[in-house]
C-alpha atoms as a PDB file:
ATOM      1  CA  UNK A   1      55.052  85.176  90.127  1.00  0.00           C
ATOM      2  CA  UNK A   2      52.860  84.451  93.126  1.00  0.00           C
ATOM      3  CA  UNK A   3      53.685  81.030  94.503  1.00  0.00           C
ATOM      4  CA  UNK A   4      50.915  78.448  94.861  1.00  0.00           C
ATOM      5  CA  UNK A   5      50.713  75.306  96.971  1.00  0.00           C
ATOM      6  CA  UNK A   6      48.188  72.490  96.864  1.00  0.00           C
ATOM      7  CA  UNK A   7      46.833  71.089 100.110  1.00  0.00           C
ATOM      8  CA  UNK A   8      44.780  67.871 100.066  1.00  0.00           C
ATOM      9  CA  UNK A   9      42.617  67.651 103.216  1.00  0.00           C
ATOM     10  CA  UNK A  10      41.750  64.104 104.235  1.00  0.00           C
ATOM     11  CA  UNK A  11      39.890  62.687 107.219  1.00  0.00           C
ATOM     12  CA  UNK A  12      39.240  59.082 108.149  1.00  0.00           C
ATOM     13  CA  UNK A  13      35.826  59.570 109.736  1.00  0.00           C
ATOM     14  CA  UNK A  14      32.938  60.157 107.367  1.00  0.00           C
ATOM     15  CA  UNK A  15      29.234  59.691 107.995  1.00  0.00           C
ATOM     16  CA  UNK A  16      28.494  58.605 104.443  1.00  0.00           C
ATOM     17  CA  UNK A  17      31.730  56.751 103.678  1.00  0.00           C
ATOM     18  CA  UNK A  18      34.031  55.894 106.618  1.00  0.00           C
ATOM     19  CA  UNK A  19      37.719  55.419 105.742  1.00  0.00           C
ATOM     20  CA  UNK A  20      37.068  56.916 102.295  1.00  0.00           C
ATOM     21  CA  UNK A  21      40.652  58.243 101.734  1.00  0.00           C
ATOM     22  CA  UNK A  22      41.957  54.673 101.972  1.00  0.00           C
ATOM     23  CA  UNK A  23      39.344  53.178  99.642  1.00  0.00           C
ATOM     24  CA  UNK A  24      41.048  51.424  96.751  1.00  0.00           C
ATOM     25  CA  UNK A  25      40.433  52.272  93.117  1.00  0.00           C
ATOM     26  CA  UNK A  26      41.703  50.092  90.294  1.00  0.00           C
ATOM     27  CA  UNK A  27      43.270  51.645  87.245  1.00  0.00           C
ATOM     28  CA  UNK A  28      43.674  50.480  83.659  1.00  0.00           C
ATOM     29  CA  UNK A  29      46.225  47.798  84.553  1.00  0.00           C
ATOM     30  CA  UNK A  30      44.209  46.475  87.475  1.00  0.00           C
ATOM     31  CA  UNK A  31      46.545  48.071  90.018  1.00  0.00           C
ATOM     32  CA  UNK A  32      44.728  49.284  93.114  1.00  0.00           C
ATOM     33  CA  UNK A  33      45.691  52.638  94.568  1.00  0.00           C
ATOM     34  CA  UNK A  34      43.999  54.417  97.438  1.00  0.00           C
ATOM     35  CA  UNK A  35      41.769  57.415  96.868  1.00  0.00           C
ATOM     36  CA  UNK A  36      44.245  59.691  98.646  1.00  0.00           C
ATOM     37  CA  UNK A  37      47.081  58.352  96.476  1.00  0.00           C
ATOM     38  CA  UNK A  38      45.127  58.986  93.310  1.00  0.00           C
ATOM     39  CA  UNK A  39      44.243  62.490  94.516  1.00  0.00           C
ATOM     40  CA  UNK A  40      47.942  63.121  95.215  1.00  0.00           C
ATOM     41  CA  UNK A  41      48.790  61.835  91.731  1.00  0.00           C
ATOM     42  CA  UNK A  42      46.291  64.339  90.312  1.00  0.00           C
ATOM     43  CA  UNK A  43      47.862  67.166  92.314  1.00  0.00           C
ATOM     44  CA  UNK A  44      51.365  66.263  91.186  1.00  0.00           C
ATOM     45  CA  UNK A  45      50.270  66.604  87.543  1.00  0.00           C
ATOM     46  CA  UNK A  46      49.412  70.307  88.016  1.00  0.00           C
ATOM     47  CA  UNK A  47      51.905  72.736  86.511  1.00  0.00           C
ATOM     48  CA  UNK A  48      53.053  75.914  88.222  1.00  0.00           C
ATOM     49  CA  UNK A  49      52.599  74.662  91.793  1.00  0.00           C
ATOM     50  CA  UNK A  50      55.520  74.762  94.193  1.00  0.00           C
ATOM     51  CA  UNK A  51      54.450  72.183  96.781  1.00  0.00           C
ATOM     52  CA  UNK A  52      51.812  69.525  97.531  1.00  0.00           C
ATOM     53  CA  UNK A  53      50.811  68.518 101.076  1.00  0.00           C
ATOM     54  CA  UNK A  54      48.315  66.054 102.511  1.00  0.00           C
ATOM     55  CA  UNK A  55      46.609  67.564 105.578  1.00  0.00           C
ATOM     56  CA  UNK A  56      45.076  65.033 107.963  1.00  0.00           C
ATOM     57  CA  UNK A  57      44.383  64.355 111.626  1.00  0.00           C
ATOM     58  CA  UNK A  58      44.612  60.580 111.272  1.00  0.00           C
ATOM     59  CA  UNK A  59      47.817  58.564 111.718  1.00  0.00           C
ATOM     60  CA  UNK A  60      46.605  55.825 109.357  1.00  0.00           C
ATOM     61  CA  UNK A  61      46.210  58.290 106.507  1.00  0.00           C
ATOM     62  CA  UNK A  62      49.449  60.063 107.399  1.00  0.00           C
ATOM     63  CA  UNK A  63      51.478  56.852 107.464  1.00  0.00           C
ATOM     64  CA  UNK A  64      49.945  55.678 104.205  1.00  0.00           C
ATOM     65  CA  UNK A  65      50.597  59.033 102.494  1.00  0.00           C
ATOM     66  CA  UNK A  66      54.210  59.179 103.637  1.00  0.00           C
ATOM     67  CA  UNK A  67      54.712  55.617 102.374  1.00  0.00           C
ATOM     68  CA  UNK A  68      53.963  56.670  98.797  1.00  0.00           C
ATOM     69  CA  UNK A  69      56.109  59.801  99.088  1.00  0.00           C
ATOM     70  CA  UNK A  70      53.678  62.554 100.071  1.00  0.00           C
ATOM     71  CA  UNK A  71      54.504  65.405 102.427  1.00  0.00           C
ATOM     72  CA  UNK A  72      52.070  65.442 105.361  1.00  0.00           C
ATOM     73  CA  UNK A  73      50.818  68.223 107.624  1.00  0.00           C
ATOM     74  CA  UNK A  74      49.124  66.967 110.796  1.00  0.00           C
ATOM     75  CA  UNK A  75      46.054  68.939 111.800  1.00  0.00           C
ATOM     76  CA  UNK A  76      43.502  68.935 114.600  1.00  0.00           C
ATOM     77  CA  UNK A  77      40.572  66.491 114.691  1.00  0.00           C
ATOM     78  CA  UNK A  78      38.416  69.512 115.508  1.00  0.00           C
ATOM     79  CA  UNK A  79      38.534  70.835 111.933  1.00  0.00           C
ATOM     80  CA  UNK A  80      34.937  70.854 110.700  1.00  0.00           C
ATOM     81  CA  UNK A  81      35.760  70.677 106.996  1.00  0.00           C
ATOM     82  CA  UNK A  82      38.518  70.761 104.405  1.00  0.00           C
ATOM     83  CA  UNK A  83      38.728  74.547 104.322  1.00  0.00           C
ATOM     84  CA  UNK A  84      39.354  74.693 108.076  1.00  0.00           C
ATOM     85  CA  UNK A  85      41.933  71.914 107.696  1.00  0.00           C
ATOM     86  CA  UNK A  86      43.717  73.857 104.960  1.00  0.00           C
ATOM     87  CA  UNK A  87      43.650  76.982 107.093  1.00  0.00           C
ATOM     88  CA  UNK A  88      45.273  75.153 110.000  1.00  0.00           C
ATOM     89  CA  UNK A  89      47.923  73.639 107.749  1.00  0.00           C
ATOM     90  CA  UNK A  90      48.731  77.048 106.259  1.00  0.00           C
ATOM     91  CA  UNK A  91      48.904  78.659 109.703  1.00  0.00           C
ATOM     92  CA  UNK A  92      51.873  76.387 110.471  1.00  0.00           C
ATOM     93  CA  UNK A  93      53.808  77.463 107.394  1.00  0.00           C
ATOM     94  CA  UNK A  94      56.341  80.285 107.438  1.00  0.00           C
ATOM     95  CA  UNK A  95      56.158  82.093 105.145  1.00  0.00           C
ATOM     96  CA  UNK A  96      52.760  81.065 103.779  1.00  0.00           C
ATOM     97  CA  UNK A  97      52.233  80.715 100.017  1.00  0.00           C
ATOM     98  CA  UNK A  98      50.558  83.523  98.119  1.00  0.00           C
ATOM     99  CA  UNK A  99      47.836  81.165  96.837  1.00  0.00           C
ATOM    100  CA  UNK A 100      46.496  78.079  98.588  1.00  0.00           C
ATOM    101  CA  UNK A 101      44.704  75.440  96.530  1.00  0.00           C
ATOM    102  CA  UNK A 102      42.381  73.025  98.303  1.00  0.00           C
ATOM    103  CA  UNK A 103      42.184  69.901  96.147  1.00  0.00           C
ATOM    104  CA  UNK A 104      39.689  67.817  98.030  1.00  0.00           C
ATOM    105  CA  UNK A 105      40.750  64.242  98.506  1.00  0.00           C
ATOM    106  CA  UNK A 106      37.638  62.742  96.922  1.00  0.00           C
ATOM    107  CA  UNK A 107      38.244  64.165  93.440  1.00  0.00           C
ATOM    108  CA  UNK A 108      41.013  62.042  91.875  1.00  0.00           C
ATOM    109  CA  UNK A 109      39.732  62.652  88.337  1.00  0.00           C
ATOM    110  CA  UNK A 110      40.355  66.405  88.561  1.00  0.00           C
ATOM    111  CA  UNK A 111      42.171  67.379  85.350  1.00  0.00           C
ATOM    112  CA  UNK A 112      45.287  69.491  85.982  1.00  0.00           C
ATOM    113  CA  UNK A 113      44.010  72.350  83.832  1.00  0.00           C
ATOM    114  CA  UNK A 114      41.087  72.866  86.233  1.00  0.00           C
ATOM    115  CA  UNK A 115      43.556  73.788  88.984  1.00  0.00           C
ATOM    116  CA  UNK A 116      45.844  75.703  86.644  1.00  0.00           C
ATOM    117  CA  UNK A 117      42.896  77.864  85.519  1.00  0.00           C
ATOM    118  CA  UNK A 118      42.154  78.783  89.143  1.00  0.00           C
ATOM    119  CA  UNK A 119      45.739  79.672  89.931  1.00  0.00           C
ATOM    120  CA  UNK A 120      46.009  81.738  86.747  1.00  0.00           C
ATOM    121  CA  UNK A 121      42.807  83.624  87.612  1.00  0.00           C
ATOM    122  CA  UNK A 122      44.108  84.419  91.092  1.00  0.00           C
ATOM    123  CA  UNK A 123      47.433  85.611  89.690  1.00  0.00           C
ATOM    124  CA  UNK A 124      45.721  87.910  87.175  1.00  0.00           C
ATOM    125  CA  UNK A 125      43.328  89.448  89.723  1.00  0.00           C
ATOM    126  CA  UNK A 126      44.995  90.253  93.078  1.00  0.00           C
ATOM    127  CA  UNK A 127      41.608  91.279  94.488  1.00  0.00           C
ATOM    128  CA  UNK A 128      40.161  87.802  94.042  1.00  0.00           C
ATOM    129  CA  UNK A 129      39.891  86.261  97.518  1.00  0.00           C
ATOM    130  CA  UNK A 130      38.418  82.850  96.696  1.00  0.00           C
ATOM    131  CA  UNK A 131      37.978  81.050  93.388  1.00  0.00           C
ATOM    132  CA  UNK A 132      36.503  77.701  92.378  1.00  0.00           C
ATOM    133  CA  UNK A 133      35.981  75.937  89.042  1.00  0.00           C
ATOM    134  CA  UNK A 134      32.617  75.112  87.522  1.00  0.00           C
ATOM    135  CA  UNK A 135      31.915  72.757  84.650  1.00  0.00           C
ATOM    136  CA  UNK A 136      28.926  73.051  82.342  1.00  0.00           C
ATOM    137  CA  UNK A 137      27.067  69.725  82.589  1.00  0.00           C
ATOM    138  CA  UNK A 138      26.615  67.664  79.479  1.00  0.00           C
ATOM    139  CA  UNK A 139      23.515  65.482  79.123  1.00  0.00           C
ATOM    140  CA  UNK A 140      25.187  62.420  80.678  1.00  0.00           C
ATOM    141  CA  UNK A 141      26.428  64.292  83.741  1.00  0.00           C
ATOM    142  CA  UNK A 142      23.089  66.020  84.252  1.00  0.00           C
ATOM    143  CA  UNK A 143      21.194  62.745  83.983  1.00  0.00           C
ATOM    144  CA  UNK A 144      23.557  61.281  86.593  1.00  0.00           C
ATOM    145  CA  UNK A 145      22.852  64.151  88.973  1.00  0.00           C
ATOM    146  CA  UNK A 146      19.107  63.769  88.563  1.00  0.00           C
ATOM    147  CA  UNK A 147      19.277  59.977  88.977  1.00  0.00           C
ATOM    148  CA  UNK A 148      21.251  60.331  92.222  1.00  0.00           C
ATOM    149  CA  UNK A 149      18.725  62.729  93.715  1.00  0.00           C
ATOM    150  CA  UNK A 150      15.789  60.533  92.697  1.00  0.00           C
ATOM    151  CA  UNK A 151      17.494  57.601  94.414  1.00  0.00           C
ATOM    152  CA  UNK A 152      18.028  59.649  97.561  1.00  0.00           C
ATOM    153  CA  UNK A 153      21.801  59.851  97.095  1.00  0.00           C
ATOM    154  CA  UNK A 154      23.844  63.005  97.486  1.00  0.00           C
ATOM    155  CA  UNK A 155      25.799  63.270  94.263  1.00  0.00           C
ATOM    156  CA  UNK A 156      27.641  66.280  92.899  1.00  0.00           C
ATOM    157  CA  UNK A 157      27.119  69.923  93.803  1.00  0.00           C
ATOM    158  CA  UNK A 158      25.704  72.538  91.445  1.00  0.00           C
ATOM    159  CA  UNK A 159      26.585  76.233  91.281  1.00  0.00           C
ATOM    160  CA  UNK A 160      24.445  79.240  90.386  1.00  0.00           C
ATOM    161  CA  UNK A 161      26.263  82.421  89.316  1.00  0.00           C
ATOM    162  CA  UNK A 162      25.567  86.016  88.370  1.00  0.00           C
ATOM    163  CA  UNK A 163      26.488  87.420  84.956  1.00  0.00           C
ATOM    164  CA  UNK A 164      29.994  88.285  86.108  1.00  0.00           C
ATOM    165  CA  UNK A 165      30.679  84.720  87.232  1.00  0.00           C
ATOM    166  CA  UNK A 166      30.350  85.449  90.939  1.00  0.00           C
ATOM    167  CA  UNK A 167      28.734  82.683  92.950  1.00  0.00           C
ATOM    168  CA  UNK A 168      25.172  83.258  94.065  1.00  0.00           C
ATOM    169  CA  UNK A 169      24.624  79.836  95.601  1.00  0.00           C
ATOM    170  CA  UNK A 170      25.836  76.251  95.742  1.00  0.00           C
ATOM    171  CA  UNK A 171      23.562  73.279  96.386  1.00  0.00           C
ATOM    172  CA  UNK A 172      23.446  69.509  96.502  1.00  0.00           C
ATOM    173  CA  UNK A 173      20.143  69.805  94.694  1.00  0.00           C
ATOM    174  CA  UNK A 174      20.128  70.149  90.915  1.00  0.00           C
ATOM    175  CA  UNK A 175      19.856  73.914  90.387  1.00  0.00           C
ATOM    176  CA  UNK A 176      18.465  75.878  88.687  1.00  0.00           C
ATOM    177  CA  UNK A 177      15.108  74.146  88.548  1.00  0.00           C
ATOM    178  CA  UNK A 178      13.721  73.499  85.074  1.00  0.00           C
ATOM    179  CA  UNK A 179      10.659  71.760  83.780  1.00  0.00           C
ATOM    180  CA  UNK A 180      11.689  68.129  83.086  1.00  0.00           C
ATOM    181  CA  UNK A 181      10.768  68.552  79.423  1.00  0.00           C
ATOM    182  CA  UNK A 182      13.230  71.439  79.171  1.00  0.00           C
ATOM    183  CA  UNK A 183      15.897  70.143  81.564  1.00  0.00           C
ATOM    184  CA  UNK A 184      18.669  69.798  78.978  1.00  0.00           C
ATOM    185  CA  UNK A 185      17.993  73.267  77.558  1.00  0.00           C
ATOM    186  CA  UNK A 186      18.837  75.035  80.836  1.00  0.00           C
ATOM    187  CA  UNK A 187      22.559  75.246  81.677  1.00  0.00           C
ATOM    188  CA  UNK A 188      23.470  73.490  84.911  1.00  0.00           C
ATOM    189  CA  UNK A 189      26.972  73.934  86.299  1.00  0.00           C
ATOM    190  CA  UNK A 190      28.743  71.214  88.238  1.00  0.00           C
ATOM    191  CA  UNK A 191      30.784  72.684  91.054  1.00  0.00           C
ATOM    192  CA  UNK A 192      34.189  71.022  90.998  1.00  0.00           C
ATOM    193  CA  UNK A 193      35.601  70.292  94.462  1.00  0.00           C
ATOM    194  CA  UNK A 194      38.616  72.579  94.243  1.00  0.00           C
ATOM    195  CA  UNK A 195      39.195  76.000  95.809  1.00  0.00           C
ATOM    196  CA  UNK A 196      41.936  78.606  95.597  1.00  0.00           C
ATOM    197  CA  UNK A 197      42.239  81.086  98.452  1.00  0.00           C
ATOM    198  CA  UNK A 198      44.375  83.948  99.621  1.00  0.00           C
ATOM    199  CA  UNK A 199      45.826  83.048 103.040  1.00  0.00           C
ATOM    200  CA  UNK A 200      44.021  86.073 104.503  1.00  0.00           C
ATOM    201  CA  UNK A 201      40.656  84.707 103.334  1.00  0.00           C
ATOM    202  CA  UNK A 202      41.439  81.361 104.963  1.00  0.00           C
ATOM    203  CA  UNK A 203      42.353  83.083 108.217  1.00  0.00           C
ATOM    204  CA  UNK A 204      39.067  85.014 108.153  1.00  0.00           C
ATOM    205  CA  UNK A 205      37.078  81.860 107.429  1.00  0.00           C
ATOM    206  CA  UNK A 206      38.009  80.046 110.631  1.00  0.00           C
ATOM    207  CA  UNK A 207      36.905  83.047 112.680  1.00  0.00           C
ATOM    208  CA  UNK A 208      33.424  83.085 111.155  1.00  0.00           C
ATOM    209  CA  UNK A 209      30.468  81.181 112.533  1.00  0.00           C
ATOM    210  CA  UNK A 210      28.859  78.572 110.270  1.00  0.00           C
ATOM    211  CA  UNK A 211      25.570  79.887 108.893  1.00  0.00           C
ATOM    212  CA  UNK A 212      22.192  78.239 108.412  1.00  0.00           C
ATOM    213  CA  UNK A 213      22.807  77.545 104.726  1.00  0.00           C
ATOM    214  CA  UNK A 214      26.196  75.920 105.304  1.00  0.00           C
ATOM    215  CA  UNK A 215      24.737  73.705 108.000  1.00  0.00           C
ATOM    216  CA  UNK A 216      21.677  72.788 105.940  1.00  0.00           C
ATOM    217  CA  UNK A 217      23.518  71.961 102.710  1.00  0.00           C
ATOM    218  CA  UNK A 218      26.681  70.647 104.319  1.00  0.00           C
ATOM    219  CA  UNK A 219      28.715  72.812 101.934  1.00  0.00           C
ATOM    220  CA  UNK A 220      31.657  74.594 103.516  1.00  0.00           C
ATOM    221  CA  UNK A 221      31.972  77.258 100.806  1.00  0.00           C
ATOM    222  CA  UNK A 222      28.604  78.730 101.758  1.00  0.00           C
ATOM    223  CA  UNK A 223      30.229  80.201 104.878  1.00  0.00           C
ATOM    224  CA  UNK A 224      32.083  82.642 102.627  1.00  0.00           C
ATOM    225  CA  UNK A 225      28.886  83.707 100.859  1.00  0.00           C
ATOM    226  CA  UNK A 226      26.840  83.990 104.033  1.00  0.00           C
ATOM    227  CA  UNK A 227      29.421  86.404 105.434  1.00  0.00           C
ATOM    228  CA  UNK A 228      29.693  88.498 102.279  1.00  0.00           C
ATOM    229  CA  UNK A 229      32.989  87.105 100.976  1.00  0.00           C
ATOM    230  CA  UNK A 230      32.738  86.665  97.225  1.00  0.00           C
ATOM    231  CA  UNK A 231      33.674  83.493  95.368  1.00  0.00           C
ATOM    232  CA  UNK A 232      34.720  83.758  91.733  1.00  0.00           C
ATOM    233  CA  UNK A 233      33.506  80.849  89.604  1.00  0.00           C
ATOM    234  CA  UNK A 234      35.976  80.024  86.861  1.00  0.00           C
ATOM    235  CA  UNK A 235      34.345  78.056  84.051  1.00  0.00           C
ATOM    236  CA  UNK A 236      36.555  75.248  82.819  1.00  0.00           C
ATOM    237  CA  UNK A 237      36.214  72.828  79.939  1.00  0.00           C
ATOM    238  CA  UNK A 238      36.290  69.067  80.242  1.00  0.00           C
ATOM    239  CA  UNK A 239      38.214  68.678  76.943  1.00  0.00           C
ATOM    240  CA  UNK A 240      36.728  65.223  76.667  1.00  0.00           C
ATOM    241  CA  UNK A 241      37.744  64.205  80.199  1.00  0.00           C
ATOM    242  CA  UNK A 242      35.008  62.674  82.326  1.00  0.00           C
ATOM    243  CA  UNK A 243      34.843  64.046  85.851  1.00  0.00           C
ATOM    244  CA  UNK A 244      33.231  62.590  88.966  1.00  0.00           C
ATOM    245  CA  UNK A 245      33.885  62.769  92.689  1.00  0.00           C
ATOM    246  CA  UNK A 246      33.824  59.836  95.072  1.00  0.00           C
ATOM    247  CA  UNK A 247      30.865  60.724  97.280  1.00  0.00           C
ATOM    248  CA  UNK A 248      29.351  57.275  97.817  1.00  0.00           C
ATOM    249  CA  UNK A 249      30.516  53.665  97.433  1.00  0.00           C
ATOM    250  CA  UNK A 250      28.379  53.542  94.264  1.00  0.00           C
ATOM    251  CA  UNK A 251      30.802  56.028  92.678  1.00  0.00           C
ATOM    252  CA  UNK A 252      33.753  53.601  92.784  1.00  0.00           C
ATOM    253  CA  UNK A 253      32.875  51.756  89.549  1.00  0.00           C
ATOM    254  CA  UNK A 254      32.162  55.081  87.818  1.00  0.00           C
ATOM    255  CA  UNK A 255      35.616  56.367  88.678  1.00  0.00           C
ATOM    256  CA  UNK A 256      37.338  53.088  87.854  1.00  0.00           C
ATOM    257  CA  UNK A 257      35.671  53.139  84.445  1.00  0.00           C
ATOM    258  CA  UNK A 258      37.153  56.582  83.757  1.00  0.00           C
ATOM    259  CA  UNK A 259      40.587  55.539  85.011  1.00  0.00           C
ATOM    260  CA  UNK A 260      40.496  52.578  82.651  1.00  0.00           C
ATOM    261  CA  UNK A 261      39.382  54.735  79.721  1.00  0.00           C
ATOM    262  CA  UNK A 262      42.210  57.203  80.385  1.00  0.00           C
ATOM    263  CA  UNK A 263      44.764  54.409  80.610  1.00  0.00           C
ATOM    264  CA  UNK A 264      45.669  55.544  84.138  1.00  0.00           C
ATOM    265  CA  UNK A 265      47.774  53.008  86.009  1.00  0.00           C
END
């Protein structure tokens, strides 16, 4: 069986939310744990993964992660995004894993079966270079996306796919467009911030120039699409689990509410 590792990229500097990995989130018991700790907890719950690493360029994050038991890979401050950070971390591994999972450090509510579905898809199809999960929005999630955009906030990312499930585009806008009266009748897919790559695809990525779309949207995965590298979108089911990323300080109470509802410490 092809081995899979999870890498959690984390950086201290952020234009929208500085020091975000160290932001504290309270669980059901009132215990506060950092965002990076809760993301690591989520990664450790995934079955069929051989190893979990936190990849960072910041000593504060590294020291904090090691203190709660995480393995850390130090990377360059020049990494432009999480995919580049994962690529650098993998380049220092010998031998590299057959599948690399990028569980972004701002998605602590990621259910383990989201990641397991990606790894399974990659194991079934050796020709799949990059895969990412998508979640069909329910009415509440869609309304949250629309409310964020109306308020001028960047919320979640949406994905548009072809009939075979291959990504056509990703955007921070709510796509596809639909008349407001018909909004809930048109399927909108939330792109979940997780990727699975072959090491060769990661190595190619860092040698490619960022394109206009990647720079405009601020979405790293668009570099693959702009250079003709396909991304398989694997539809996953929430199974009743609420999902939200920590993109803005306003998301903290949303995530804490879910942690409390799940009974997460």
